[in-house]
Protein backbone atom coordinates (compact mmCIF):
# COMPACT_ATOMS: atom_id res chain seq x y z
CA UNK A 1 -12.24 42.50 -52.72
CA UNK A 2 -12.56 38.85 -51.86
CA UNK A 3 -8.88 38.62 -51.04
CA UNK A 4 -9.14 41.60 -48.74
CA UNK A 5 -12.06 40.04 -46.84
CA UNK A 6 -10.19 36.76 -46.46
CA UNK A 7 -7.14 38.59 -45.10
CA UNK A 8 -9.29 40.49 -42.64
CA UNK A 9 -10.95 37.27 -41.46
CA UNK A 10 -7.57 35.56 -41.07
CA UNK A 11 -6.26 38.49 -39.08
CA UNK A 12 -9.31 38.46 -36.81
CA UNK A 13 -9.17 34.69 -36.32
CA UNK A 14 -5.45 34.81 -35.63
CA UNK A 15 -5.98 37.53 -33.05
CA UNK A 16 -8.77 35.58 -31.39
CA UNK A 17 -6.72 32.36 -31.33
CA UNK A 18 -3.75 34.24 -29.92
CA UNK A 19 -5.93 35.79 -27.22
CA UNK A 20 -7.34 32.38 -26.34
CA UNK A 21 -3.88 30.89 -26.09
CA UNK A 22 -2.69 33.77 -23.92
CA UNK A 23 -5.78 33.41 -21.74
CA UNK A 24 -5.14 29.68 -21.31
CA UNK A 25 -1.51 30.32 -20.40
CA UNK A 26 -2.49 33.01 -17.89
CA UNK A 27 -5.10 30.70 -16.40
CA UNK A 28 -2.51 27.95 -15.93
CA UNK A 29 -0.12 30.38 -14.24
CA UNK A 30 -2.86 31.70 -11.96
CA UNK A 31 -3.94 28.13 -11.13
CA UNK A 32 -0.39 27.19 -10.19
CA UNK A 33 0.01 30.31 -8.07
CA UNK A 34 -3.21 29.57 -6.20
CA UNK A 35 -2.18 25.96 -5.62
CA UNK A 36 1.35 26.90 -4.53
CA UNK A 37 -0.15 29.28 -1.99
CA UNK A 38 -1.75 26.31 -0.24
CA UNK A 39 1.44 24.24 -0.05
CA UNK A 40 4.53 25.73 1.60
CA UNK A 41 7.81 25.10 -0.16
CA UNK A 42 10.26 23.36 2.20
CA UNK A 43 13.04 25.54 3.60
CA UNK A 44 16.61 24.30 3.95
CA UNK A 45 19.24 25.48 6.42
CA UNK A 46 21.87 22.75 5.91
CA UNK A 47 20.12 20.15 8.09
CA UNK A 48 18.94 16.83 6.55
CA UNK A 49 19.53 17.60 2.89
CA UNK A 50 18.19 14.21 1.79
CA UNK A 51 14.84 14.89 3.46
CA UNK A 52 14.72 18.39 1.96
CA UNK A 53 15.34 17.11 -1.57
CA UNK A 54 12.62 14.48 -1.08
CA UNK A 55 10.11 17.15 -0.02
CA UNK A 56 11.12 19.38 -2.94
CA UNK A 57 10.44 16.58 -5.41
CA UNK A 58 6.97 16.06 -3.96
CA UNK A 59 6.29 19.79 -4.14
CA UNK A 60 7.30 19.88 -7.79
CA UNK A 61 4.90 17.00 -8.53
CA UNK A 62 2.00 18.69 -6.75
CA UNK A 63 2.76 22.04 -8.36
CA UNK A 64 3.61 20.58 -11.78
CA UNK A 65 6.67 22.83 -11.70
CA UNK A 66 8.49 23.10 -15.06
CA UNK A 67 12.11 21.91 -15.01
CA UNK A 68 13.47 25.39 -15.73
CA UNK A 69 11.72 26.80 -12.64
CA UNK A 70 12.60 24.14 -10.05
CA UNK A 71 15.95 25.58 -9.02
CA UNK A 72 14.57 29.12 -8.89
CA UNK A 73 11.89 27.96 -6.45
CA UNK A 74 14.42 26.11 -4.32
CA UNK A 75 17.04 28.85 -4.06
CA UNK A 76 14.74 31.45 -2.51
CA UNK A 77 14.03 28.99 0.34
CA UNK A 78 17.67 28.41 1.31
CA UNK A 79 18.73 29.75 4.71
CA UNK A 80 21.82 29.99 6.93
CA UNK A 81 24.78 27.88 5.85
CA UNK A 82 22.84 26.61 2.85
CA UNK A 83 22.45 30.03 1.22
CA UNK A 84 26.10 30.89 1.97
CA UNK A 85 27.19 27.69 0.22
CA UNK A 86 24.90 28.44 -2.71
CA UNK A 87 26.35 31.90 -3.24
CA UNK A 88 29.92 30.59 -3.14
CA UNK A 89 29.04 27.67 -5.43
CA UNK A 90 27.42 29.86 -8.08
CA UNK A 91 30.24 32.41 -7.85
CA UNK A 92 32.93 29.79 -8.46
CA UNK A 93 30.84 28.18 -11.18
CA UNK A 94 30.32 31.58 -12.82
CA UNK A 95 26.90 30.48 -13.92
CA UNK A 96 23.33 31.42 -13.21
CA UNK A 97 20.38 29.63 -11.66
CA UNK A 98 18.62 29.69 -15.02
CA UNK A 99 21.42 27.72 -16.68
CA UNK A 100 21.76 24.88 -14.14
CA UNK A 101 19.52 21.79 -14.32
CA UNK A 102 17.87 20.80 -11.06
CA UNK A 103 19.41 17.30 -11.20
CA UNK A 104 22.94 18.73 -11.33
CA UNK A 105 22.20 21.07 -8.42
CA UNK A 106 20.89 18.14 -6.35
CA UNK A 107 24.20 16.32 -6.85
CA UNK A 108 26.18 19.40 -5.83
CA UNK A 109 24.18 20.24 -2.70
CA UNK A 110 24.11 16.57 -1.65
CA UNK A 111 27.89 16.33 -1.95
CA UNK A 112 28.19 19.35 0.35
CA UNK A 113 25.63 18.52 3.06
CA UNK A 114 24.76 14.80 2.90
CA UNK A 115 26.46 12.27 5.19
CA UNK A 116 25.35 9.29 3.09
CA UNK A 117 28.81 8.72 1.61
CA UNK A 118 30.28 8.32 5.13
CA UNK A 119 27.61 5.90 6.37
CA UNK A 120 27.13 2.18 5.93
CA UNK A 121 23.37 2.01 6.40
CA UNK A 122 23.20 -1.71 5.61
CA UNK A 123 25.67 -2.55 8.35
CA UNK A 124 23.99 -0.18 10.78
CA UNK A 125 20.49 -1.51 10.20
CA UNK A 126 21.71 -5.06 10.82
CA UNK A 127 22.76 -4.13 14.36
CA UNK A 128 20.18 -1.56 15.42
CA UNK A 129 18.20 -2.70 18.48
CA UNK A 130 15.51 -1.39 20.78
CA UNK A 131 17.18 0.11 23.86
CA UNK A 132 14.31 0.87 26.25
CA UNK A 133 11.50 -1.61 26.91
CA UNK A 134 8.50 0.74 26.79
CA UNK A 135 6.36 2.74 24.33
CA UNK A 136 8.85 5.62 24.14
CA UNK A 137 11.73 3.21 23.55
CA UNK A 138 9.75 1.47 20.81
CA UNK A 139 8.99 4.82 19.17
CA UNK A 140 12.70 5.68 19.09
CA UNK A 141 13.51 2.25 17.64
CA UNK A 142 10.82 2.62 14.94
CA UNK A 143 12.11 6.07 13.99
CA UNK A 144 15.67 4.79 13.71
CA UNK A 145 14.53 1.84 11.60
CA UNK A 146 12.60 4.13 9.25
CA UNK A 147 15.60 6.41 8.82
CA UNK A 148 17.90 3.52 7.92
CA UNK A 149 15.38 1.77 5.66
CA UNK A 150 15.21 4.94 3.58
CA UNK A 151 18.92 4.58 2.86
CA UNK A 152 19.00 0.95 1.72
CA UNK A 153 17.29 -1.12 -0.94
CA UNK A 154 16.05 -4.43 0.47
CA UNK A 155 12.95 -6.56 0.11
CA UNK A 156 10.13 -6.25 2.64
CA UNK A 157 10.52 -9.81 4.04
CA UNK A 158 14.15 -9.06 4.93
CA UNK A 159 13.17 -5.66 6.36
CA UNK A 160 10.53 -7.34 8.56
CA UNK A 161 13.09 -9.90 9.75
CA UNK A 162 15.62 -7.21 10.69
CA UNK A 163 12.97 -5.16 12.46
CA UNK A 164 11.66 -8.05 14.57
CA UNK A 165 15.22 -9.17 15.40
CA UNK A 166 16.00 -5.82 17.01
CA UNK A 167 12.95 -5.71 19.30
CA UNK A 168 13.21 -6.23 23.06
CA UNK A 169 12.62 -9.89 24.08
CA UNK A 170 9.32 -9.10 25.81
CA UNK A 171 8.00 -7.68 22.54
CA UNK A 172 9.93 -9.76 20.01
CA UNK A 173 8.68 -13.14 21.20
CA UNK A 174 4.92 -12.53 20.73
CA UNK A 175 5.45 -10.55 17.51
CA UNK A 176 7.65 -13.27 16.00
CA UNK A 177 5.14 -15.94 16.99
CA UNK A 178 2.42 -14.16 14.96
CA UNK A 179 4.68 -14.08 11.87
CA UNK A 180 3.98 -10.62 10.40
CA UNK A 181 4.30 -10.53 6.61
CA UNK A 182 4.65 -6.75 6.18
CA UNK A 183 6.30 -3.89 8.03
CA UNK A 184 2.85 -2.45 8.63
CA UNK A 185 1.84 -5.61 10.48
CA UNK A 186 5.13 -5.79 12.39
CA UNK A 187 4.88 -2.16 13.54
CA UNK A 188 1.26 -2.65 14.62
CA UNK A 189 1.94 -5.83 16.58
CA UNK A 190 4.99 -4.32 18.23
CA UNK A 191 3.00 -1.26 19.34
CA UNK A 192 0.26 -3.44 20.82
CA UNK A 193 2.59 -5.68 22.82
CA UNK A 194 3.74 -3.14 25.47
CA UNK A 195 0.07 -2.34 26.15
CA UNK A 196 -0.72 -6.05 26.52
CA UNK A 197 2.32 -6.58 28.75
CA UNK A 198 1.32 -3.69 31.00
CA UNK A 199 -2.25 -5.00 31.26
CA UNK A 200 -1.03 -8.47 32.22
CA UNK A 201 1.34 -7.07 34.83
CA UNK A 202 -1.48 -5.03 36.36
CA UNK A 203 -3.72 -8.11 36.50
CA UNK A 204 -1.01 -10.19 38.17
CA UNK A 205 -0.44 -7.41 40.67
CA UNK A 206 -4.17 -7.27 41.48
CA UNK A 207 -4.28 -11.05 41.96
CA UNK A 208 -1.22 -10.95 44.19
CA UNK A 209 -2.61 -8.09 46.27
CA UNK A 210 -5.95 -9.93 46.62
CA UNK A 211 -4.18 -13.10 47.82
CA UNK A 212 -2.25 -11.13 50.38
CA UNK A 213 -5.45 -9.56 51.69
CA UNK A 214 -7.09 -13.00 52.03
CA UNK A 215 -4.03 -14.34 53.87
CA UNK A 216 -4.16 -11.40 56.23
CA UNK A 217 -7.67 -12.43 57.39
CA UNK A 218 -6.42 -15.83 58.70
CA UNK A 219 -5.22 -15.45 62.31
CA UNK A 220 -2.82 -18.20 63.35
CA UNK A 221 -3.21 -19.66 66.87
CA UNK A 222 -1.16 -17.99 69.59
CA UNK A 223 -0.21 -21.27 71.31
CA UNK A 224 -0.88 -24.56 69.59
CA UNK A 225 -0.59 -26.45 72.91
CA UNK A 226 -3.75 -24.75 74.22
CA UNK A 227 -5.96 -26.16 71.45
CA UNK A 228 -8.56 -28.76 72.70
CA UNK A 229 -7.72 -32.36 71.96
CA UNK A 230 -9.83 -34.14 69.37
CA UNK A 231 -11.45 -37.50 70.33
CA UNK A 232 -9.69 -40.70 69.37
CA UNK A 233 -11.69 -42.09 66.42
CA UNK A 234 -11.14 -45.70 67.63
CA UNK A 235 -12.05 -45.29 71.32
CA UNK A 236 -13.97 -42.06 71.42
CA UNK A 237 -11.76 -40.97 74.37
CA UNK A 238 -10.31 -37.48 74.31
């Protein structure tokens, strides 16, 4: 009798524990689904594969995506040339999405769509310069610098030096004089300088225009010979 009661209790407890575990697992799945719904998975259509992989990795961190589900999530967001490549790749491989590790897939898709192997980012970043001497030109230069810095591994002091070197002279001089220690400081000083330059130019223009207006008020004599003679200081005779 005692043995029967113990068996019944074990069966009940096991059922309860199993239900709890299942409930916890379901709750985790539901939590992930709710969280995923708030963050869109990045789509890829064969453009900028390095940026796409970077965004995927961040999504997986936020979502806490298990390794065996990463590729499944990624594949359903491929478009255009990317999905055509994927179908051909998997067909030749004769494998399935479930069998391929995400790291191996990243190598394969990078080899197909990335231009990194044909670029020398270190050489390029050493010669990149600001082309247009205004805010828009500075924005383009900053964007190009960011793109290249993502492809190289250098210390921040060297990155700051390269960035300042490529600025237009009207911006580079004041920024270099202030000796920025970080890229954040260099970017901020560079963005301020065109505004300061424009303000100074406007002030100089106002001063110049004011001087011209004052000069316009002075009427020169028509004929200097008609002016009255001043008295001789020694004789008092005019």
